[in-house]
């Protein structure tokens, strides 16, 4: 429904307007830079991380769709690095 139609209908029916972000929440988030992509790829290779599994983990973490490393939202970059650092740390621990 268009913006004008929506507000015309609300006015005609006497409905109170709720908070409206003019569909900004539907806009795609900024994604990570090419340098960040390269950094994550290096960490993924170093830890032997399964890329589809990592992308699925990141998609769940940011509650968004991620089809490739380049699609990771910029706001989720630190979480991705932390996850890969944690995996590297676990791999470096001596096994019992």
PDB file of N, CA and C in Angstrom:
ATOM      1  N   UNK A   1       0.852  -1.166   0.000  1.00  0.00           N
ATOM      2  CA  UNK A   1       0.000   0.000   0.000  1.00  0.00           C
ATOM      3  C   UNK A   1       0.902   1.234   0.000  1.00  0.00           C
ATOM      4  N   UNK A   2       0.589   2.191  -0.777  1.00  0.00           N
ATOM      5  CA  UNK A   2       1.425   3.385  -0.846  1.00  0.00           C
ATOM      6  C   UNK A   2       1.249   4.243   0.401  1.00  0.00           C
ATOM      7  N   UNK A   3       2.200   5.096   0.581  1.00  0.00           N
ATOM      8  CA  UNK A   3       2.184   5.998   1.735  1.00  0.00           C
ATOM      9  C   UNK A   3       0.895   6.818   1.758  1.00  0.00           C
ATOM     10  N   UNK A   4       0.535   7.431   0.614  1.00  0.00           N
ATOM     11  CA  UNK A   4      -0.658   8.269   0.551  1.00  0.00           C
ATOM     12  C   UNK A   4      -1.925   7.457   0.821  1.00  0.00           C
ATOM     13  N   UNK A   5      -2.030   6.293   0.217  1.00  0.00           N
ATOM     14  CA  UNK A   5      -3.219   5.451   0.430  1.00  0.00           C
ATOM     15  C   UNK A   5      -3.358   5.060   1.889  1.00  0.00           C
ATOM     16  N   UNK A   6      -2.230   4.694   2.492  1.00  0.00           N
ATOM     17  CA  UNK A   6      -2.243   4.250   3.888  1.00  0.00           C
ATOM     18  C   UNK A   6      -2.747   5.373   4.794  1.00  0.00           C
ATOM     19  N   UNK A   7      -2.219   6.572   4.614  1.00  0.00           N
ATOM     20  CA  UNK A   7      -2.621   7.672   5.488  1.00  0.00           C
ATOM     21  C   UNK A   7      -4.011   8.208   5.163  1.00  0.00           C
ATOM     22  N   UNK A   8      -4.436   8.108   3.932  1.00  0.00           N
ATOM     23  CA  UNK A   8      -5.801   8.487   3.578  1.00  0.00           C
ATOM     24  C   UNK A   8      -6.787   7.544   4.264  1.00  0.00           C
ATOM     25  N   UNK A   9      -6.480   6.252   4.214  1.00  0.00           N
ATOM     26  CA  UNK A   9      -7.333   5.257   4.862  1.00  0.00           C
ATOM     27  C   UNK A   9      -7.360   5.476   6.375  1.00  0.00           C
ATOM     28  N   UNK A  10      -6.220   5.742   6.970  1.00  0.00           N
ATOM     29  CA  UNK A  10      -6.176   5.988   8.410  1.00  0.00           C
ATOM     30  C   UNK A  10      -7.004   7.213   8.775  1.00  0.00           C
ATOM     31  N   UNK A  11      -6.882   8.260   7.992  1.00  0.00           N
ATOM     32  CA  UNK A  11      -7.638   9.483   8.270  1.00  0.00           C
ATOM     33  C   UNK A  11      -9.134   9.246   8.109  1.00  0.00           C
ATOM     34  N   UNK A  12      -9.537   8.525   7.076  1.00  0.00           N
ATOM     35  CA  UNK A  12     -10.954   8.261   6.821  1.00  0.00           C
ATOM     36  C   UNK A  12     -11.574   7.415   7.924  1.00  0.00           C
ATOM     37  N   UNK A  13     -10.789   6.491   8.460  1.00  0.00           N
ATOM     38  CA  UNK A  13     -11.295   5.607   9.506  1.00  0.00           C
ATOM     39  C   UNK A  13     -11.054   6.150  10.912  1.00  0.00           C
ATOM     40  N   UNK A  14     -10.334   7.249  11.008  1.00  0.00           N
ATOM     41  CA  UNK A  14     -10.069   7.840  12.317  1.00  0.00           C
ATOM     42  C   UNK A  14      -9.095   7.031  13.151  1.00  0.00           C
ATOM     43  N   UNK A  15      -8.198   6.324  12.494  1.00  0.00           N
ATOM     44  CA  UNK A  15      -7.223   5.504  13.216  1.00  0.00           C
ATOM     45  C   UNK A  15      -6.041   6.349  13.645  1.00  0.00           C
ATOM     46  N   UNK A  16      -5.519   6.036  14.809  1.00  0.00           N
ATOM     47  CA  UNK A  16      -4.327   6.740  15.289  1.00  0.00           C
ATOM     48  C   UNK A  16      -3.109   6.193  14.561  1.00  0.00           C
ATOM     49  N   UNK A  17      -2.244   7.071  14.161  1.00  0.00           N
ATOM     50  CA  UNK A  17      -1.020   6.654  13.464  1.00  0.00           C
ATOM     51  C   UNK A  17      -0.018   6.128  14.479  1.00  0.00           C
ATOM     52  N   UNK A  18       0.587   5.030  14.141  1.00  0.00           N
ATOM     53  CA  UNK A  18       1.658   4.486  14.978  1.00  0.00           C
ATOM     54  C   UNK A  18       2.980   5.005  14.438  1.00  0.00           C
ATOM     55  N   UNK A  19       4.036   4.699  15.125  1.00  0.00           N
ATOM     56  CA  UNK A  19       5.362   5.130  14.661  1.00  0.00           C
ATOM     57  C   UNK A  19       5.626   4.537  13.289  1.00  0.00           C
ATOM     58  N   UNK A  20       6.004   5.380  12.361  1.00  0.00           N
ATOM     59  CA  UNK A  20       6.248   4.943  10.993  1.00  0.00           C
ATOM     60  C   UNK A  20       7.623   5.409  10.573  1.00  0.00           C
ATOM     61  N   UNK A  21       8.440   4.482  10.131  1.00  0.00           N
ATOM     62  CA  UNK A  21       9.791   4.841   9.709  1.00  0.00           C
ATOM     63  C   UNK A  21       9.899   4.985   8.195  1.00  0.00           C
ATOM     64  N   UNK A  22       8.750   5.130   7.522  1.00  0.00           N
ATOM     65  CA  UNK A  22       8.708   5.271   6.065  1.00  0.00           C
ATOM     66  C   UNK A  22       9.481   4.155   5.373  1.00  0.00           C
ATOM     67  N   UNK A  23       9.326   2.946   5.857  1.00  0.00           N
ATOM     68  CA  UNK A  23       9.909   1.721   5.298  1.00  0.00           C
ATOM     69  C   UNK A  23      11.425   1.645   5.419  1.00  0.00           C
ATOM     70  N   UNK A  24      12.014   2.449   6.295  1.00  0.00           N
ATOM     71  CA  UNK A  24      13.465   2.385   6.462  1.00  0.00           C
ATOM     72  C   UNK A  24      13.906   1.042   7.006  1.00  0.00           C
ATOM     73  N   UNK A  25      13.073   0.406   7.803  1.00  0.00           N
ATOM     74  CA  UNK A  25      13.437  -0.896   8.343  1.00  0.00           C
ATOM     75  C   UNK A  25      13.470  -1.968   7.259  1.00  0.00           C
ATOM     76  N   UNK A  26      12.839  -1.715   6.135  1.00  0.00           N
ATOM     77  CA  UNK A  26      12.848  -2.677   5.034  1.00  0.00           C
ATOM     78  C   UNK A  26      14.044  -2.474   4.109  1.00  0.00           C
ATOM     79  N   UNK A  27      14.758  -1.372   4.267  1.00  0.00           N
ATOM     80  CA  UNK A  27      15.924  -1.120   3.436  1.00  0.00           C
ATOM     81  C   UNK A  27      17.062  -2.032   3.865  1.00  0.00           C
ATOM     82  N   UNK A  28      17.863  -2.479   2.901  1.00  0.00           N
ATOM     83  CA  UNK A  28      18.989  -3.338   3.270  1.00  0.00           C
ATOM     84  C   UNK A  28      20.016  -2.567   4.100  1.00  0.00           C
ATOM     85  N   UNK A  29      20.596  -3.251   5.041  1.00  0.00           N
ATOM     86  CA  UNK A  29      21.609  -2.637   5.894  1.00  0.00           C
ATOM     87  C   UNK A  29      22.917  -2.489   5.119  1.00  0.00           C
ATOM     88  N   UNK A  30      23.758  -1.555   5.561  1.00  0.00           N
ATOM     89  CA  UNK A  30      25.081  -1.425   4.959  1.00  0.00           C
ATOM     90  C   UNK A  30      25.841  -2.715   5.195  1.00  0.00           C
ATOM     91  N   UNK A  31      26.594  -3.149   4.203  1.00  0.00           N
ATOM     92  CA  UNK A  31      27.349  -4.394   4.324  1.00  0.00           C
ATOM     93  C   UNK A  31      28.822  -4.092   4.575  1.00  0.00           C
ATOM     94  N   UNK A  32      29.560  -5.125   4.921  1.00  0.00           N
ATOM     95  CA  UNK A  32      30.969  -4.962   5.249  1.00  0.00           C
ATOM     96  C   UNK A  32      31.769  -4.536   4.014  1.00  0.00           C
ATOM     97  N   UNK A  33      32.918  -3.932   4.274  1.00  0.00           N
ATOM     98  CA  UNK A  33      33.791  -3.449   3.207  1.00  0.00           C
ATOM     99  C   UNK A  33      34.566  -4.614   2.586  1.00  0.00           C
ATOM    100  N   UNK A  34      35.209  -4.355   1.459  1.00  0.00           N
ATOM    101  CA  UNK A  34      36.022  -5.394   0.811  1.00  0.00           C
ATOM    102  C   UNK A  34      37.205  -5.795   1.695  1.00  0.00           C
ATOM    103  N   UNK A  35      37.778  -4.854   2.445  1.00  0.00           N
ATOM    104  CA  UNK A  35      38.861  -5.190   3.379  1.00  0.00           C
ATOM    105  C   UNK A  35      38.354  -6.118   4.478  1.00  0.00           C
ATOM    106  N   UNK A  36      37.143  -5.866   4.959  1.00  0.00           N
ATOM    107  CA  UNK A  36      36.561  -6.733   5.987  1.00  0.00           C
ATOM    108  C   UNK A  36      36.236  -8.113   5.415  1.00  0.00           C
ATOM    109  N   UNK A  37      35.778  -8.153   4.166  1.00  0.00           N
ATOM    110  CA  UNK A  37      35.531  -9.440   3.501  1.00  0.00           C
ATOM    111  C   UNK A  37      36.831 -10.239   3.444  1.00  0.00           C
ATOM    112  N   UNK A  38      37.918  -9.593   3.010  1.00  0.00           N
ATOM    113  CA  UNK A  38      39.217 -10.264   2.909  1.00  0.00           C
ATOM    114  C   UNK A  38      39.681 -10.757   4.275  1.00  0.00           C
ATOM    115  N   UNK A  39      39.478  -9.939   5.317  1.00  0.00           N
ATOM    116  CA  UNK A  39      39.861 -10.333   6.680  1.00  0.00           C
ATOM    117  C   UNK A  39      39.081 -11.576   7.114  1.00  0.00           C
ATOM    118  N   UNK A  40      37.777 -11.565   6.891  1.00  0.00           N
ATOM    119  CA  UNK A  40      36.966 -12.726   7.280  1.00  0.00           C
ATOM    120  C   UNK A  40      37.363 -13.966   6.482  1.00  0.00           C
ATOM    121  N   UNK A  41      37.630 -13.805   5.195  1.00  0.00           N
ATOM    122  CA  UNK A  41      38.029 -14.950   4.375  1.00  0.00           C
ATOM    123  C   UNK A  41      39.333 -15.553   4.891  1.00  0.00           C
ATOM    124  N   UNK A  42      40.279 -14.702   5.281  1.00  0.00           N
ATOM    125  CA  UNK A  42      41.551 -15.178   5.834  1.00  0.00           C
ATOM    126  C   UNK A  42      41.305 -15.955   7.123  1.00  0.00           C
ATOM    127  N   UNK A  43      40.454 -15.422   7.983  1.00  0.00           N
ATOM    128  CA  UNK A  43      40.144 -16.092   9.250  1.00  0.00           C
ATOM    129  C   UNK A  43      39.393 -17.407   9.019  1.00  0.00           C
ATOM    130  N   UNK A  44      38.513 -17.425   8.032  1.00  0.00           N
ATOM    131  CA  UNK A  44      37.744 -18.635   7.709  1.00  0.00           C
ATOM    132  C   UNK A  44      38.679 -19.740   7.242  1.00  0.00           C
ATOM    133  N   UNK A  45      39.610 -19.394   6.368  1.00  0.00           N
ATOM    134  CA  UNK A  45      40.572 -20.381   5.870  1.00  0.00           C
ATOM    135  C   UNK A  45      41.470 -20.864   7.007  1.00  0.00           C
ATOM    136  N   UNK A  46      41.953 -19.942   7.822  1.00  0.00           N
ATOM    137  CA  UNK A  46      42.856 -20.289   8.923  1.00  0.00           C
ATOM    138  C   UNK A  46      42.209 -21.227   9.936  1.00  0.00           C
ATOM    139  N   UNK A  47      40.917 -21.090  10.131  1.00  0.00           N
ATOM    140  CA  UNK A  47      40.225 -21.926  11.127  1.00  0.00           C
ATOM    141  C   UNK A  47      39.540 -23.140  10.503  1.00  0.00           C
ATOM    142  N   UNK A  48      39.585 -23.246   9.178  1.00  0.00           N
ATOM    143  CA  UNK A  48      38.918 -24.373   8.515  1.00  0.00           C
ATOM    144  C   UNK A  48      37.413 -24.327   8.673  1.00  0.00           C
ATOM    145  N   UNK A  49      36.867 -23.129   8.716  1.00  0.00           N
ATOM    146  CA  UNK A  49      35.433 -22.936   8.936  1.00  0.00           C
ATOM    147  C   UNK A  49      34.640 -23.275   7.688  1.00  0.00           C
ATOM    148  N   UNK A  50      33.537 -23.969   7.880  1.00  0.00           N
ATOM    149  CA  UNK A  50      32.602 -24.284   6.802  1.00  0.00           C
ATOM    150  C   UNK A  50      31.844 -23.003   6.450  1.00  0.00           C
ATOM    151  N   UNK A  51      32.039 -22.500   5.235  1.00  0.00           N
ATOM    152  CA  UNK A  51      31.450 -21.218   4.861  1.00  0.00           C
ATOM    153  C   UNK A  51      29.920 -21.237   4.911  1.00  0.00           C
ATOM    154  N   UNK A  52      29.240 -22.231   4.317  1.00  0.00           N
ATOM    155  CA  UNK A  52      27.770 -22.218   4.418  1.00  0.00           C
ATOM    156  C   UNK A  52      27.274 -22.247   5.867  1.00  0.00           C
ATOM    157  N   UNK A  53      27.942 -22.996   6.710  1.00  0.00           N
ATOM    158  CA  UNK A  53      27.570 -23.043   8.121  1.00  0.00           C
ATOM    159  C   UNK A  53      27.798 -21.711   8.811  1.00  0.00           C
ATOM    160  N   UNK A  54      28.913 -21.058   8.484  1.00  0.00           N
ATOM    161  CA  UNK A  54      29.220 -19.749   9.058  1.00  0.00           C
ATOM    162  C   UNK A  54      28.197 -18.714   8.605  1.00  0.00           C
ATOM    163  N   UNK A  55      27.835 -18.747   7.328  1.00  0.00           N
ATOM    164  CA  UNK A  55      26.845 -17.793   6.825  1.00  0.00           C
ATOM    165  C   UNK A  55      25.488 -18.022   7.473  1.00  0.00           C
ATOM    166  N   UNK A  56      25.139 -19.278   7.707  1.00  0.00           N
ATOM    167  CA  UNK A  56      23.877 -19.592   8.379  1.00  0.00           C
ATOM    168  C   UNK A  56      23.900 -19.069   9.818  1.00  0.00           C
ATOM    169  N   UNK A  57      25.030 -19.248  10.491  1.00  0.00           N
ATOM    170  CA  UNK A  57      25.192 -18.734  11.857  1.00  0.00           C
ATOM    171  C   UNK A  57      25.041 -17.214  11.886  1.00  0.00           C
ATOM    172  N   UNK A  58      25.700 -16.543  10.942  1.00  0.00           N
ATOM    173  CA  UNK A  58      25.642 -15.081  10.898  1.00  0.00           C
ATOM    174  C   UNK A  58      24.234 -14.593  10.553  1.00  0.00           C
ATOM    175  N   UNK A  59      23.548 -15.298   9.655  1.00  0.00           N
ATOM    176  CA  UNK A  59      22.182 -14.912   9.293  1.00  0.00           C
ATOM    177  C   UNK A  59      21.266 -15.008  10.514  1.00  0.00           C
ATOM    178  N   UNK A  60      21.456 -16.054  11.285  1.00  0.00           N
ATOM    179  CA  UNK A  60      20.644 -16.213  12.499  1.00  0.00           C
ATOM    180  C   UNK A  60      20.984 -15.120  13.520  1.00  0.00           C
ATOM    181  N   UNK A  61      22.265 -14.793  13.622  1.00  0.00           N
ATOM    182  CA  UNK A  61      22.703 -13.786  14.587  1.00  0.00           C
ATOM    183  C   UNK A  61      22.163 -12.395  14.254  1.00  0.00           C
ATOM    184  N   UNK A  62      22.093 -12.070  12.970  1.00  0.00           N
ATOM    185  CA  UNK A  62      21.628 -10.719  12.610  1.00  0.00           C
ATOM    186  C   UNK A  62      20.163 -10.715  12.182  1.00  0.00           C
ATOM    187  N   UNK A  63      19.540 -11.886  12.188  1.00  0.00           N
ATOM    188  CA  UNK A  63      18.136 -12.009  11.787  1.00  0.00           C
ATOM    189  C   UNK A  63      17.916 -11.396  10.402  1.00  0.00           C
ATOM    190  N   UNK A  64      18.777 -11.815   9.470  1.00  0.00           N
ATOM    191  CA  UNK A  64      18.697 -11.324   8.099  1.00  0.00           C
ATOM    192  C   UNK A  64      19.142 -12.432   7.154  1.00  0.00           C
ATOM    193  N   UNK A  65      18.998 -12.201   5.874  1.00  0.00           N
ATOM    194  CA  UNK A  65      19.431 -13.181   4.882  1.00  0.00           C
ATOM    195  C   UNK A  65      20.845 -12.866   4.450  1.00  0.00           C
ATOM    196  N   UNK A  66      21.687 -13.889   4.478  1.00  0.00           N
ATOM    197  CA  UNK A  66      23.075 -13.745   4.043  1.00  0.00           C
ATOM    198  C   UNK A  66      23.385 -14.888   3.097  1.00  0.00           C
ATOM    199  N   UNK A  67      23.697 -14.544   1.849  1.00  0.00           N
ATOM    200  CA  UNK A  67      24.010 -15.561   0.853  1.00  0.00           C
ATOM    201  C   UNK A  67      25.493 -15.684   0.576  1.00  0.00           C
ATOM    202  N   UNK A  68      26.260 -14.671   0.983  1.00  0.00           N
ATOM    203  CA  UNK A  68      27.701 -14.654   0.757  1.00  0.00           C
ATOM    204  C   UNK A  68      28.352 -13.800   1.836  1.00  0.00           C
ATOM    205  N   UNK A  69      29.649 -13.944   1.983  1.00  0.00           N
ATOM    206  CA  UNK A  69      30.360 -13.172   2.994  1.00  0.00           C
ATOM    207  C   UNK A  69      30.127 -11.679   2.792  1.00  0.00           C
ATOM    208  N   UNK A  70      30.073 -11.259   1.534  1.00  0.00           N
ATOM    209  CA  UNK A  70      29.874  -9.846   1.199  1.00  0.00           C
ATOM    210  C   UNK A  70      28.537  -9.297   1.695  1.00  0.00           C
ATOM    211  N   UNK A  71      27.587 -10.180   1.997  1.00  0.00           N
ATOM    212  CA  UNK A  71      26.257  -9.770   2.435  1.00  0.00           C
ATOM    213  C   UNK A  71      26.160  -9.526   3.939  1.00  0.00           C
ATOM    214  N   UNK A  72      27.224  -9.804   4.671  1.00  0.00           N
ATOM    215  CA  UNK A  72      27.181  -9.621   6.124  1.00  0.00           C
ATOM    216  C   UNK A  72      27.014  -8.138   6.435  1.00  0.00           C
ATOM    217  N   UNK A  73      26.026  -7.788   7.266  1.00  0.00           N
ATOM    218  CA  UNK A  73      25.826  -6.378   7.614  1.00  0.00           C
ATOM    219  C   UNK A  73      27.044  -5.816   8.346  1.00  0.00           C
ATOM    220  N   UNK A  74      27.343  -4.562   8.090  1.00  0.00           N
ATOM    221  CA  UNK A  74      28.485  -3.906   8.737  1.00  0.00           C
ATOM    222  C   UNK A  74      28.363  -3.977  10.257  1.00  0.00           C
ATOM    223  N   UNK A  75      27.147  -3.864  10.763  1.00  0.00           N
ATOM    224  CA  UNK A  75      26.924  -3.909  12.213  1.00  0.00           C
ATOM    225  C   UNK A  75      27.244  -5.283  12.809  1.00  0.00           C
ATOM    226  N   UNK A  76      27.329  -6.316  11.974  1.00  0.00           N
ATOM    227  CA  UNK A  76      27.601  -7.673  12.461  1.00  0.00           C
ATOM    228  C   UNK A  76      29.049  -8.103  12.267  1.00  0.00           C
ATOM    229  N   UNK A  77      29.880  -7.226  11.721  1.00  0.00           N
ATOM    230  CA  UNK A  77      31.282  -7.580  11.450  1.00  0.00           C
ATOM    231  C   UNK A  77      32.014  -7.997  12.723  1.00  0.00           C
ATOM    232  N   UNK A  78      31.889  -7.219  13.794  1.00  0.00           N
ATOM    233  CA  UNK A  78      32.587  -7.549  15.044  1.00  0.00           C
ATOM    234  C   UNK A  78      32.154  -8.897  15.588  1.00  0.00           C
ATOM    235  N   UNK A  79      30.886  -9.220  15.451  1.00  0.00           N
ATOM    236  CA  UNK A  79      30.382 -10.525  15.903  1.00  0.00           C
ATOM    237  C   UNK A  79      30.999 -11.651  15.084  1.00  0.00           C
ATOM    238  N   UNK A  80      31.151 -11.426  13.777  1.00  0.00           N
ATOM    239  CA  UNK A  80      31.755 -12.434  12.903  1.00  0.00           C
ATOM    240  C   UNK A  80      33.213 -12.669  13.282  1.00  0.00           C
ATOM    241  N   UNK A  81      33.943 -11.583  13.514  1.00  0.00           N
ATOM    242  CA  UNK A  81      35.350 -11.700  13.911  1.00  0.00           C
ATOM    243  C   UNK A  81      35.458 -12.415  15.254  1.00  0.00           C
ATOM    244  N   UNK A  82      34.608 -12.057  16.195  1.00  0.00           N
ATOM    245  CA  UNK A  82      34.641 -12.683  17.520  1.00  0.00           C
ATOM    246  C   UNK A  82      34.372 -14.183  17.420  1.00  0.00           C
ATOM    247  N   UNK A  83      33.431 -14.573  16.579  1.00  0.00           N
ATOM    248  CA  UNK A  83      33.112 -15.997  16.418  1.00  0.00           C
ATOM    249  C   UNK A  83      34.303 -16.756  15.842  1.00  0.00           C
ATOM    250  N   UNK A  84      34.970 -16.164  14.863  1.00  0.00           N
ATOM    251  CA  UNK A  84      36.122 -16.825  14.253  1.00  0.00           C
ATOM    252  C   UNK A  84      37.330 -16.840  15.198  1.00  0.00           C
ATOM    253  N   UNK A  85      37.495 -15.785  15.998  1.00  0.00           N
ATOM    254  CA  UNK A  85      38.566 -15.774  16.997  1.00  0.00           C
ATOM    255  C   UNK A  85      38.319 -16.850  18.053  1.00  0.00           C
ATOM    256  N   UNK A  86      37.075 -17.005  18.474  1.00  0.00           N
ATOM    257  CA  UNK A  86      36.733 -18.024  19.467  1.00  0.00           C
ATOM    258  C   UNK A  86      37.008 -19.419  18.921  1.00  0.00           C
ATOM    259  N   UNK A  87      36.697 -19.627  17.648  1.00  0.00           N
ATOM    260  CA  UNK A  87      36.960 -20.930  17.033  1.00  0.00           C
ATOM    261  C   UNK A  87      38.461 -21.194  16.973  1.00  0.00           C
ATOM    262  N   UNK A  88      39.242 -20.171  16.626  1.00  0.00           N
ATOM    263  CA  UNK A  88      40.696 -20.319  16.572  1.00  0.00           C
ATOM    264  C   UNK A  88      41.255 -20.632  17.964  1.00  0.00           C
ATOM    265  N   UNK A  89      40.720 -19.977  18.985  1.00  0.00           N
ATOM    266  CA  UNK A  89      41.167 -20.211  20.350  1.00  0.00           C
ATOM    267  C   UNK A  89      40.855 -21.639  20.789  1.00  0.00           C
ATOM    268  N   UNK A  90      39.652 -22.110  20.438  1.00  0.00           N
ATOM    269  CA  UNK A  90      39.297 -23.499  20.789  1.00  0.00           C
ATOM    270  C   UNK A  90      40.212 -24.489  20.096  1.00  0.00           C
ATOM    271  N   UNK A  91      40.569 -24.208  18.851  1.00  0.00           N
ATOM    272  CA  UNK A  91      41.437 -25.113  18.097  1.00  0.00           C
ATOM    273  C   UNK A  91      42.848 -25.116  18.660  1.00  0.00           C
ATOM    274  N   UNK A  92      43.280 -24.008  19.272  1.00  0.00           N
ATOM    275  CA  UNK A  92      44.628 -23.897  19.809  1.00  0.00           C
ATOM    276  C   UNK A  92      44.774 -24.560  21.173  1.00  0.00           C
ATOM    277  N   UNK A  93      43.638 -24.840  21.835  1.00  0.00           N
ATOM    278  CA  UNK A  93      43.678 -25.476  23.154  1.00  0.00           C
ATOM    279  C   UNK A  93      44.165 -26.908  23.014  1.00  0.00           C
ATOM    280  N   UNK A  94      45.034 -27.330  23.947  1.00  0.00           N
ATOM    281  CA  UNK A  94      45.467 -28.727  23.896  1.00  0.00           C
ATOM    282  C   UNK A  94      44.301 -29.665  24.210  1.00  0.00           C
ATOM    283  N   UNK A  95      44.221 -30.744  23.452  1.00  0.00           N
ATOM    284  CA  UNK A  95      43.121 -31.692  23.711  1.00  0.00           C
ATOM    285  C   UNK A  95      43.463 -32.574  24.893  1.00  0.00           C
ATOM    286  N   UNK A  96      42.428 -32.910  25.621  1.00  0.00           N
ATOM    287  CA  UNK A  96      42.618 -33.695  26.859  1.00  0.00           C
ATOM    288  C   UNK A  96      42.579 -35.161  26.566  1.00  0.00           C
TER     289      UNK A  96
END
